[in-house]
């Protein structure tokens, strides 16, 4: 390990590198508790029992619902989840598949209206080996993208700043969601 001399003469441990540091202590809960909760602790099973504000839910359907990602890649990063605790898309019923699709389309329209984004990343990581943060409960990501955003993964851009608070994003999307 090297040492770095500060302008005031203090010597700090470490070797300077090109990375910027954005301190996110709220992520420690995610890191320490692991990524795969027990079925009884599944956040996608618990969220619908909470108020929309507390569960970060922006819309509810009959078979599926839409909520903000607690650890978003970009502001407005939504998840579409079936209410049923299933792990993969092939286990979803025809009704769940249809509603997940319809909710995804509506979410894209609402995000575009609210955020004026230029595109989207849509995806489902199925199974822990495929990168699913919560592998036991099916969920689809809807990530808004702008021409000016640095990159999809923070490690590539070395820093990821989120310009809006989750509660503000949830309110703006929920308020713009069409009512039946």
N, C-alpha and C. Protein backbone atom coordinates (compact mmCIF):
# COMPACT_ATOMS: atom_id res chain seq x y z
N UNK A 1 0.84 -1.17 0.00
CA UNK A 1 0.00 0.00 0.00
C UNK A 1 0.89 1.24 0.00
N UNK A 2 0.54 2.19 -0.83
CA UNK A 2 1.30 3.43 -0.91
C UNK A 2 0.74 4.48 0.03
N UNK A 3 1.37 5.64 0.02
CA UNK A 3 0.91 6.74 0.84
C UNK A 3 0.80 7.97 -0.02
N UNK A 4 -0.16 8.83 0.32
CA UNK A 4 -0.41 10.05 -0.43
C UNK A 4 -0.15 11.24 0.49
N UNK A 5 0.64 12.19 0.04
CA UNK A 5 0.88 13.41 0.82
C UNK A 5 -0.13 14.47 0.40
N UNK A 6 -0.88 14.97 1.35
CA UNK A 6 -1.84 16.04 1.11
C UNK A 6 -1.10 17.38 1.08
N UNK A 7 -1.71 18.41 0.47
CA UNK A 7 -1.05 19.73 0.40
C UNK A 7 -0.68 20.30 1.77
N UNK A 8 -1.47 19.94 2.81
CA UNK A 8 -1.18 20.47 4.15
C UNK A 8 -0.10 19.67 4.87
N UNK A 9 0.48 18.66 4.19
CA UNK A 9 1.55 17.88 4.80
C UNK A 9 1.10 16.58 5.43
N UNK A 10 -0.22 16.39 5.62
CA UNK A 10 -0.72 15.13 6.17
C UNK A 10 -0.45 14.00 5.18
N UNK A 11 -0.15 12.85 5.72
CA UNK A 11 0.09 11.68 4.88
C UNK A 11 -1.05 10.70 5.09
N UNK A 12 -1.68 10.27 3.99
CA UNK A 12 -2.80 9.35 4.04
C UNK A 12 -2.43 8.04 3.38
N UNK A 13 -2.98 6.96 3.90
CA UNK A 13 -2.73 5.64 3.30
C UNK A 13 -3.52 5.55 2.00
N UNK A 14 -2.97 4.83 1.04
CA UNK A 14 -3.69 4.60 -0.21
C UNK A 14 -2.94 5.12 -1.41
N UNK A 15 -3.33 4.60 -2.54
CA UNK A 15 -2.75 5.03 -3.81
C UNK A 15 -3.85 5.74 -4.58
N UNK A 16 -3.60 6.96 -5.03
CA UNK A 16 -4.65 7.65 -5.78
C UNK A 16 -4.98 6.89 -7.06
N UNK A 17 -6.25 6.94 -7.44
CA UNK A 17 -6.69 6.31 -8.67
C UNK A 17 -7.69 7.21 -9.37
N UNK A 18 -8.23 6.75 -10.49
CA UNK A 18 -9.12 7.58 -11.29
C UNK A 18 -10.56 7.55 -10.83
N UNK A 19 -10.89 6.73 -9.82
CA UNK A 19 -12.27 6.61 -9.37
C UNK A 19 -12.69 7.80 -8.52
N UNK A 20 -13.92 8.24 -8.75
CA UNK A 20 -14.56 9.22 -7.88
C UNK A 20 -15.32 8.42 -6.82
N UNK A 21 -15.50 8.96 -5.65
CA UNK A 21 -16.23 8.26 -4.60
C UNK A 21 -17.55 8.98 -4.35
N UNK A 22 -18.62 8.24 -4.44
CA UNK A 22 -19.95 8.74 -4.10
C UNK A 22 -20.41 7.88 -2.95
N UNK A 23 -20.44 8.42 -1.75
CA UNK A 23 -20.74 7.66 -0.55
C UNK A 23 -22.23 7.35 -0.50
N UNK A 24 -22.58 6.08 -0.39
CA UNK A 24 -23.97 5.65 -0.34
C UNK A 24 -24.18 4.68 0.83
N UNK A 25 -24.15 5.20 2.05
CA UNK A 25 -24.26 4.30 3.21
C UNK A 25 -25.60 3.56 3.28
N UNK A 26 -26.65 4.08 2.64
CA UNK A 26 -27.94 3.39 2.66
C UNK A 26 -27.85 2.00 2.00
N UNK A 27 -26.87 1.78 1.13
CA UNK A 27 -26.72 0.49 0.45
C UNK A 27 -26.15 -0.60 1.37
N UNK A 28 -25.65 -0.22 2.56
CA UNK A 28 -25.07 -1.20 3.46
C UNK A 28 -26.10 -2.25 3.87
N UNK A 29 -27.35 -1.88 4.02
CA UNK A 29 -28.40 -2.84 4.34
C UNK A 29 -28.47 -3.90 3.25
N UNK A 30 -28.42 -3.47 2.00
CA UNK A 30 -28.46 -4.37 0.85
C UNK A 30 -27.24 -5.29 0.84
N UNK A 31 -26.08 -4.75 1.14
CA UNK A 31 -24.84 -5.52 1.12
C UNK A 31 -24.78 -6.51 2.28
N UNK A 32 -25.06 -6.04 3.49
CA UNK A 32 -24.94 -6.90 4.67
C UNK A 32 -25.99 -7.98 4.75
N UNK A 33 -27.19 -7.70 4.28
CA UNK A 33 -28.26 -8.68 4.40
C UNK A 33 -28.27 -9.68 3.25
N UNK A 34 -27.38 -9.53 2.33
CA UNK A 34 -27.35 -10.44 1.19
C UNK A 34 -28.42 -10.08 0.20
N UNK A 35 -28.33 -10.69 -0.95
CA UNK A 35 -29.25 -10.33 -2.01
C UNK A 35 -30.44 -11.26 -2.12
N UNK A 36 -30.39 -12.42 -1.50
CA UNK A 36 -31.46 -13.39 -1.67
C UNK A 36 -32.21 -13.59 -0.36
N UNK A 37 -33.29 -12.83 -0.15
CA UNK A 37 -34.04 -12.96 1.11
C UNK A 37 -34.83 -14.27 1.15
N UNK A 38 -35.18 -14.68 2.36
CA UNK A 38 -36.06 -15.83 2.54
C UNK A 38 -37.43 -15.47 1.97
N UNK A 39 -38.21 -16.47 1.59
CA UNK A 39 -39.52 -16.22 0.99
C UNK A 39 -40.37 -15.31 1.88
N UNK A 40 -40.31 -15.52 3.20
CA UNK A 40 -41.10 -14.70 4.12
C UNK A 40 -40.64 -13.25 4.16
N UNK A 41 -39.40 -13.00 3.74
CA UNK A 41 -38.85 -11.65 3.75
C UNK A 41 -38.78 -11.04 2.36
N UNK A 42 -39.38 -11.67 1.37
CA UNK A 42 -39.28 -11.19 0.00
C UNK A 42 -39.86 -9.78 -0.12
N UNK A 43 -39.04 -8.80 -0.53
CA UNK A 43 -39.54 -7.43 -0.61
C UNK A 43 -40.67 -7.27 -1.63
N UNK A 44 -40.71 -8.13 -2.64
CA UNK A 44 -41.76 -8.03 -3.65
C UNK A 44 -43.06 -8.68 -3.19
N UNK A 45 -43.00 -9.50 -2.17
CA UNK A 45 -44.21 -10.03 -1.54
C UNK A 45 -44.72 -9.09 -0.46
N UNK A 46 -43.79 -8.40 0.21
CA UNK A 46 -44.14 -7.49 1.31
C UNK A 46 -44.68 -6.16 0.79
N UNK A 47 -44.11 -5.63 -0.27
CA UNK A 47 -44.46 -4.29 -0.77
C UNK A 47 -45.97 -4.09 -0.98
N UNK A 48 -46.70 -5.03 -1.59
CA UNK A 48 -48.13 -4.80 -1.81
C UNK A 48 -48.96 -4.68 -0.54
N UNK A 49 -48.44 -5.16 0.59
CA UNK A 49 -49.17 -5.04 1.85
C UNK A 49 -48.95 -3.68 2.51
N UNK A 50 -48.05 -2.89 1.95
CA UNK A 50 -47.74 -1.56 2.50
C UNK A 50 -48.54 -0.49 1.75
N UNK A 51 -48.50 0.73 2.28
CA UNK A 51 -49.08 1.84 1.53
C UNK A 51 -48.25 2.04 0.27
N UNK A 52 -48.84 2.66 -0.74
CA UNK A 52 -48.09 2.89 -1.97
C UNK A 52 -46.83 3.70 -1.72
N UNK A 53 -46.91 4.70 -0.87
CA UNK A 53 -45.76 5.54 -0.57
C UNK A 53 -44.66 4.74 0.11
N UNK A 54 -45.02 3.96 1.13
CA UNK A 54 -44.02 3.18 1.86
C UNK A 54 -43.44 2.04 1.02
N UNK A 55 -44.25 1.45 0.16
CA UNK A 55 -43.79 0.36 -0.69
C UNK A 55 -43.19 0.83 -2.01
N UNK A 56 -43.17 2.15 -2.23
CA UNK A 56 -42.67 2.76 -3.47
C UNK A 56 -43.45 2.28 -4.70
N UNK A 57 -44.72 1.94 -4.49
CA UNK A 57 -45.58 1.45 -5.57
C UNK A 57 -46.19 2.63 -6.33
N UNK A 58 -46.13 2.55 -7.66
CA UNK A 58 -46.71 3.61 -8.48
C UNK A 58 -48.02 3.18 -9.12
N UNK A 59 -48.25 1.88 -9.28
CA UNK A 59 -49.50 1.39 -9.88
C UNK A 59 -49.72 -0.06 -9.48
N UNK A 60 -51.01 -0.41 -9.34
CA UNK A 60 -51.39 -1.78 -8.99
C UNK A 60 -52.37 -2.30 -10.03
N UNK A 61 -52.13 -3.51 -10.48
CA UNK A 61 -53.06 -4.19 -11.36
C UNK A 61 -53.69 -5.35 -10.64
N UNK A 62 -54.37 -6.22 -11.38
CA UNK A 62 -55.02 -7.39 -10.79
C UNK A 62 -54.01 -8.50 -10.51
N UNK A 63 -53.03 -8.68 -11.41
CA UNK A 63 -52.06 -9.77 -11.31
C UNK A 63 -50.63 -9.31 -11.03
N UNK A 64 -50.37 -8.03 -11.26
CA UNK A 64 -49.01 -7.50 -11.13
C UNK A 64 -49.07 -6.04 -10.70
N UNK A 65 -47.94 -5.52 -10.28
CA UNK A 65 -47.87 -4.13 -9.84
C UNK A 65 -46.52 -3.54 -10.25
N UNK A 66 -46.42 -2.20 -10.14
CA UNK A 66 -45.22 -1.48 -10.55
C UNK A 66 -44.69 -0.70 -9.35
N UNK A 67 -43.39 -0.80 -9.10
CA UNK A 67 -42.78 -0.05 -8.01
C UNK A 67 -41.40 0.45 -8.43
N UNK A 68 -40.91 1.43 -7.68
CA UNK A 68 -39.56 1.92 -7.92
C UNK A 68 -38.54 0.94 -7.38
N UNK A 69 -37.41 0.85 -8.06
CA UNK A 69 -36.30 0.05 -7.57
C UNK A 69 -35.67 0.82 -6.40
N UNK A 70 -35.49 0.16 -5.28
CA UNK A 70 -34.89 0.79 -4.10
C UNK A 70 -33.44 1.15 -4.34
N UNK A 71 -32.77 0.44 -5.25
CA UNK A 71 -31.37 0.69 -5.58
C UNK A 71 -31.27 0.93 -7.09
N UNK A 72 -31.75 2.10 -7.55
CA UNK A 72 -31.91 2.32 -9.00
C UNK A 72 -30.60 2.58 -9.74
N UNK A 73 -30.60 2.19 -11.03
CA UNK A 73 -29.51 2.56 -11.93
C UNK A 73 -29.66 4.01 -12.37
N UNK A 74 -30.89 4.45 -12.56
CA UNK A 74 -31.21 5.82 -12.96
C UNK A 74 -32.48 6.24 -12.24
N UNK A 75 -32.73 7.54 -12.15
CA UNK A 75 -33.99 8.03 -11.59
C UNK A 75 -35.14 7.53 -12.44
N UNK A 76 -36.16 7.00 -11.80
CA UNK A 76 -37.31 6.47 -12.52
C UNK A 76 -37.20 5.00 -12.84
N UNK A 77 -36.16 4.32 -12.35
CA UNK A 77 -35.97 2.89 -12.58
C UNK A 77 -37.10 2.13 -11.89
N UNK A 78 -37.97 1.51 -12.71
CA UNK A 78 -39.13 0.81 -12.19
C UNK A 78 -38.97 -0.70 -12.31
N UNK A 79 -39.75 -1.41 -11.50
CA UNK A 79 -39.84 -2.87 -11.56
C UNK A 79 -41.30 -3.24 -11.72
N UNK A 80 -41.58 -4.23 -12.56
CA UNK A 80 -42.93 -4.77 -12.71
C UNK A 80 -42.88 -6.18 -12.15
N UNK A 81 -43.72 -6.44 -11.14
CA UNK A 81 -43.70 -7.72 -10.43
C UNK A 81 -45.08 -8.35 -10.40
N UNK A 82 -45.16 -9.66 -10.59
CA UNK A 82 -46.44 -10.32 -10.32
C UNK A 82 -46.63 -10.38 -8.80
N UNK A 83 -47.88 -10.42 -8.37
CA UNK A 83 -48.12 -10.57 -6.93
C UNK A 83 -47.68 -11.96 -6.45
N UNK A 84 -47.86 -12.96 -7.33
CA UNK A 84 -47.48 -14.32 -6.95
C UNK A 84 -45.97 -14.45 -6.84
N UNK A 85 -45.53 -15.21 -5.87
CA UNK A 85 -44.11 -15.44 -5.64
C UNK A 85 -43.64 -16.56 -6.57
N UNK A 86 -43.24 -16.18 -7.77
CA UNK A 86 -42.69 -17.12 -8.75
C UNK A 86 -41.32 -16.60 -9.17
N UNK A 87 -40.45 -17.51 -9.60
CA UNK A 87 -39.07 -17.10 -9.85
C UNK A 87 -38.75 -16.81 -11.31
N UNK A 88 -39.47 -17.43 -12.24
CA UNK A 88 -39.10 -17.24 -13.65
C UNK A 88 -40.33 -16.98 -14.51
N UNK A 89 -40.09 -16.38 -15.64
CA UNK A 89 -41.14 -15.95 -16.56
C UNK A 89 -41.97 -17.13 -17.06
N UNK A 90 -41.37 -18.29 -17.24
CA UNK A 90 -42.10 -19.44 -17.75
C UNK A 90 -43.11 -19.99 -16.74
N UNK A 91 -43.02 -19.57 -15.49
CA UNK A 91 -43.99 -19.98 -14.47
C UNK A 91 -45.19 -19.05 -14.39
N UNK A 92 -45.12 -17.91 -15.07
CA UNK A 92 -46.21 -16.93 -15.04
C UNK A 92 -47.39 -17.43 -15.86
N UNK A 93 -48.59 -17.11 -15.39
CA UNK A 93 -49.80 -17.46 -16.13
C UNK A 93 -49.96 -16.51 -17.32
N UNK A 94 -50.83 -16.86 -18.23
CA UNK A 94 -51.10 -16.00 -19.38
C UNK A 94 -51.61 -14.63 -18.92
N UNK A 95 -52.41 -14.62 -17.87
CA UNK A 95 -52.94 -13.34 -17.34
C UNK A 95 -51.81 -12.49 -16.75
N UNK A 96 -50.90 -13.12 -16.03
CA UNK A 96 -49.76 -12.38 -15.46
C UNK A 96 -48.86 -11.83 -16.57
N UNK A 97 -48.57 -12.64 -17.58
CA UNK A 97 -47.74 -12.20 -18.69
C UNK A 97 -48.38 -11.01 -19.39
N UNK A 98 -49.68 -11.09 -19.65
CA UNK A 98 -50.38 -10.00 -20.34
C UNK A 98 -50.35 -8.72 -19.51
N UNK A 99 -50.58 -8.84 -18.20
CA UNK A 99 -50.59 -7.64 -17.38
C UNK A 99 -49.20 -7.07 -17.18
N UNK A 100 -48.19 -7.92 -17.03
CA UNK A 100 -46.82 -7.43 -16.94
C UNK A 100 -46.48 -6.64 -18.21
N UNK A 101 -46.88 -7.15 -19.37
CA UNK A 101 -46.64 -6.45 -20.63
C UNK A 101 -47.38 -5.12 -20.70
N UNK A 102 -48.66 -5.12 -20.32
CA UNK A 102 -49.45 -3.89 -20.36
C UNK A 102 -48.91 -2.85 -19.38
N UNK A 103 -48.55 -3.29 -18.19
CA UNK A 103 -47.99 -2.36 -17.20
C UNK A 103 -46.65 -1.80 -17.67
N UNK A 104 -45.85 -2.63 -18.33
CA UNK A 104 -44.57 -2.17 -18.87
C UNK A 104 -44.79 -1.09 -19.92
N UNK A 105 -45.75 -1.30 -20.82
CA UNK A 105 -46.03 -0.29 -21.85
C UNK A 105 -46.50 1.02 -21.22
N UNK A 106 -47.40 0.92 -20.25
CA UNK A 106 -47.89 2.14 -19.59
C UNK A 106 -46.75 2.83 -18.85
N UNK A 107 -45.92 2.06 -18.16
CA UNK A 107 -44.78 2.63 -17.43
C UNK A 107 -43.86 3.39 -18.37
N UNK A 108 -43.59 2.82 -19.53
CA UNK A 108 -42.72 3.50 -20.50
C UNK A 108 -43.33 4.83 -20.95
N UNK A 109 -44.63 4.83 -21.21
CA UNK A 109 -45.30 6.07 -21.63
C UNK A 109 -45.26 7.12 -20.53
N UNK A 110 -45.51 6.68 -19.29
CA UNK A 110 -45.55 7.63 -18.16
C UNK A 110 -44.14 8.18 -17.88
N UNK A 111 -43.14 7.31 -17.87
CA UNK A 111 -41.77 7.78 -17.63
C UNK A 111 -41.36 8.79 -18.70
N UNK A 112 -41.69 8.49 -19.96
CA UNK A 112 -41.35 9.39 -21.06
C UNK A 112 -42.01 10.76 -20.86
N UNK A 113 -43.28 10.74 -20.42
CA UNK A 113 -44.01 11.98 -20.16
C UNK A 113 -43.41 12.77 -19.00
N UNK A 114 -43.05 12.07 -17.94
CA UNK A 114 -42.56 12.72 -16.72
C UNK A 114 -41.09 13.10 -16.83
N UNK A 115 -40.27 12.22 -17.42
CA UNK A 115 -38.82 12.39 -17.39
C UNK A 115 -38.19 12.86 -18.69
N UNK A 116 -38.93 12.79 -19.79
CA UNK A 116 -38.42 13.21 -21.09
C UNK A 116 -37.13 12.48 -21.45
N UNK A 117 -37.12 11.17 -21.18
CA UNK A 117 -35.94 10.36 -21.48
C UNK A 117 -35.88 10.04 -22.97
N UNK A 118 -34.74 9.52 -23.40
CA UNK A 118 -34.50 9.24 -24.81
C UNK A 118 -34.63 7.77 -25.18
N UNK A 119 -34.67 6.89 -24.20
CA UNK A 119 -34.77 5.46 -24.46
C UNK A 119 -34.92 4.68 -23.18
N UNK A 120 -34.90 3.36 -23.29
CA UNK A 120 -35.09 2.47 -22.13
C UNK A 120 -34.19 1.25 -22.24
N UNK A 121 -33.86 0.69 -21.10
CA UNK A 121 -33.36 -0.67 -21.00
C UNK A 121 -34.47 -1.45 -20.30
N UNK A 122 -34.89 -2.56 -20.90
CA UNK A 122 -35.87 -3.46 -20.29
C UNK A 122 -35.18 -4.79 -20.09
N UNK A 123 -35.46 -5.44 -18.97
CA UNK A 123 -34.83 -6.74 -18.79
C UNK A 123 -35.29 -7.50 -17.58
N UNK A 124 -35.11 -8.81 -17.67
CA UNK A 124 -35.37 -9.73 -16.57
C UNK A 124 -34.13 -10.60 -16.40
N UNK A 125 -33.52 -10.56 -15.24
CA UNK A 125 -32.42 -11.46 -14.90
C UNK A 125 -33.04 -12.60 -14.11
N UNK A 126 -33.00 -13.79 -14.64
CA UNK A 126 -33.68 -14.91 -14.00
C UNK A 126 -32.68 -15.91 -13.47
N UNK A 127 -32.68 -16.04 -12.17
CA UNK A 127 -31.73 -16.90 -11.48
C UNK A 127 -30.57 -16.09 -10.93
N UNK A 128 -30.06 -16.51 -9.80
CA UNK A 128 -28.95 -15.80 -9.16
C UNK A 128 -27.73 -15.74 -10.08
N UNK A 129 -27.45 -16.83 -10.79
CA UNK A 129 -26.30 -16.87 -11.68
C UNK A 129 -26.45 -15.87 -12.84
N UNK A 130 -27.68 -15.50 -13.17
CA UNK A 130 -27.93 -14.55 -14.25
C UNK A 130 -27.91 -13.10 -13.76
N UNK A 131 -27.66 -12.91 -12.47
CA UNK A 131 -27.55 -11.56 -11.94
C UNK A 131 -28.80 -11.03 -11.27
N UNK A 132 -29.79 -11.88 -11.04
CA UNK A 132 -31.01 -11.41 -10.38
C UNK A 132 -30.71 -11.05 -8.93
N UNK A 133 -30.98 -9.81 -8.56
CA UNK A 133 -30.79 -9.37 -7.18
C UNK A 133 -31.72 -10.08 -6.23
N UNK A 134 -32.95 -10.30 -6.65
CA UNK A 134 -33.94 -11.07 -5.91
C UNK A 134 -34.37 -12.19 -6.85
N UNK A 135 -33.67 -13.31 -6.81
CA UNK A 135 -33.89 -14.38 -7.79
C UNK A 135 -35.20 -15.13 -7.58
N UNK A 136 -35.72 -15.15 -6.37
CA UNK A 136 -36.89 -15.97 -6.08
C UNK A 136 -38.20 -15.34 -6.54
N UNK A 137 -38.21 -14.05 -6.86
CA UNK A 137 -39.45 -13.39 -7.26
C UNK A 137 -39.24 -12.68 -8.59
N UNK A 138 -39.96 -13.12 -9.59
CA UNK A 138 -39.88 -12.55 -10.93
C UNK A 138 -40.10 -11.04 -10.90
N UNK A 139 -39.28 -10.31 -11.61
CA UNK A 139 -39.46 -8.87 -11.75
C UNK A 139 -38.76 -8.41 -13.02
N UNK A 140 -39.39 -7.46 -13.68
CA UNK A 140 -38.84 -6.88 -14.90
C UNK A 140 -38.38 -5.46 -14.62
N UNK A 141 -37.20 -5.14 -15.10
CA UNK A 141 -36.63 -3.80 -14.95
C UNK A 141 -37.04 -2.91 -16.11
N UNK A 142 -37.38 -1.67 -15.80
CA UNK A 142 -37.60 -0.64 -16.80
C UNK A 142 -36.70 0.52 -16.39
N UNK A 143 -35.62 0.72 -17.14
CA UNK A 143 -34.62 1.73 -16.78
C UNK A 143 -34.63 2.84 -17.84
N UNK A 144 -35.05 4.05 -17.45
CA UNK A 144 -35.00 5.15 -18.42
C UNK A 144 -33.56 5.55 -18.71
N UNK A 145 -33.31 5.94 -19.96
CA UNK A 145 -31.97 6.34 -20.39
C UNK A 145 -32.05 7.68 -21.11
N UNK A 146 -31.03 8.47 -20.92
CA UNK A 146 -30.90 9.77 -21.58
C UNK A 146 -29.62 9.78 -22.39
N UNK A 147 -29.61 10.52 -23.47
CA UNK A 147 -28.40 10.63 -24.28
C UNK A 147 -27.22 11.11 -23.43
N UNK A 148 -27.50 11.89 -22.43
CA UNK A 148 -26.43 12.49 -21.63
C UNK A 148 -26.03 11.66 -20.42
N UNK A 149 -26.72 10.50 -20.15
CA UNK A 149 -26.29 9.75 -18.97
C UNK A 149 -24.97 9.05 -19.27
N UNK A 150 -24.18 8.90 -18.23
CA UNK A 150 -22.80 8.45 -18.38
C UNK A 150 -22.72 7.02 -18.89
N UNK A 151 -23.47 6.12 -18.31
CA UNK A 151 -23.45 4.74 -18.73
C UNK A 151 -24.43 3.95 -17.89
N UNK A 152 -24.70 2.71 -18.30
CA UNK A 152 -25.67 1.88 -17.61
C UNK A 152 -25.16 1.39 -16.27
N UNK A 153 -23.93 0.96 -16.20
CA UNK A 153 -23.40 0.44 -14.94
C UNK A 153 -22.45 1.45 -14.30
N UNK A 154 -22.65 1.72 -13.01
CA UNK A 154 -21.81 2.70 -12.32
C UNK A 154 -20.32 2.38 -12.39
N UNK A 155 -19.97 1.11 -12.45
CA UNK A 155 -18.54 0.77 -12.46
C UNK A 155 -17.87 1.29 -13.72
N UNK A 156 -18.59 1.32 -14.83
CA UNK A 156 -18.01 1.81 -16.08
C UNK A 156 -17.80 3.32 -16.00
N UNK A 157 -18.79 4.02 -15.48
CA UNK A 157 -18.71 5.48 -15.38
C UNK A 157 -17.94 5.92 -14.14
N UNK A 158 -17.69 5.00 -13.23
CA UNK A 158 -16.93 5.23 -12.00
C UNK A 158 -17.71 6.03 -10.95
N UNK A 159 -18.80 6.65 -11.33
CA UNK A 159 -19.65 7.37 -10.39
C UNK A 159 -21.07 7.33 -10.94
N UNK A 160 -22.04 7.18 -10.07
CA UNK A 160 -23.44 7.25 -10.50
C UNK A 160 -24.16 8.19 -9.57
N UNK A 161 -24.63 9.28 -10.08
CA UNK A 161 -25.39 10.25 -9.28
C UNK A 161 -26.85 10.15 -9.67
N UNK A 162 -27.72 10.15 -8.69
CA UNK A 162 -29.16 10.12 -8.92
C UNK A 162 -29.72 11.47 -8.51
N UNK A 163 -30.23 12.23 -9.47
CA UNK A 163 -30.61 13.62 -9.19
C UNK A 163 -31.94 13.80 -8.47
N UNK A 164 -32.71 12.73 -8.26
CA UNK A 164 -34.00 12.88 -7.60
C UNK A 164 -34.13 11.86 -6.47
N UNK A 165 -34.86 12.26 -5.42
CA UNK A 165 -35.14 11.35 -4.32
C UNK A 165 -36.23 10.35 -4.73
N UNK A 166 -36.17 9.13 -4.19
CA UNK A 166 -37.14 8.10 -4.55
C UNK A 166 -38.58 8.55 -4.32
N UNK A 167 -38.85 9.18 -3.20
CA UNK A 167 -40.22 9.63 -2.91
C UNK A 167 -40.73 10.62 -3.94
N UNK A 168 -39.87 11.53 -4.38
CA UNK A 168 -40.26 12.51 -5.40
C UNK A 168 -40.52 11.83 -6.74
N UNK A 169 -39.68 10.88 -7.10
CA UNK A 169 -39.86 10.14 -8.36
C UNK A 169 -41.15 9.34 -8.31
N UNK A 170 -41.38 8.64 -7.19
CA UNK A 170 -42.60 7.84 -7.04
C UNK A 170 -43.84 8.71 -7.19
N UNK A 171 -43.83 9.86 -6.54
CA UNK A 171 -45.00 10.75 -6.60
C UNK A 171 -45.23 11.26 -8.02
N UNK A 172 -44.19 11.64 -8.73
CA UNK A 172 -44.39 12.18 -10.08
C UNK A 172 -44.91 11.10 -11.03
N UNK A 173 -44.40 9.88 -10.91
CA UNK A 173 -44.88 8.80 -11.78
C UNK A 173 -46.28 8.38 -11.39
N UNK A 174 -46.54 8.20 -10.10
CA UNK A 174 -47.88 7.80 -9.66
C UNK A 174 -48.92 8.83 -10.04
N UNK A 175 -48.59 10.11 -9.92
CA UNK A 175 -49.54 11.17 -10.27
C UNK A 175 -49.83 11.21 -11.77
N UNK A 176 -48.88 10.81 -12.59
CA UNK A 176 -49.07 10.82 -14.04
C UNK A 176 -49.67 9.51 -14.56
N UNK A 177 -49.76 8.48 -13.71
CA UNK A 177 -50.27 7.18 -14.16
C UNK A 177 -51.75 7.31 -14.51
N UNK A 178 -52.16 6.80 -15.67
CA UNK A 178 -53.58 6.93 -16.07
C UNK A 178 -54.47 6.13 -15.13
N UNK A 179 -55.62 6.67 -14.85
CA UNK A 179 -56.59 5.98 -13.99
C UNK A 179 -57.63 5.30 -14.87
N UNK A 180 -58.10 4.17 -14.39
CA UNK A 180 -59.06 3.38 -15.19
C UNK A 180 -60.45 3.97 -15.12
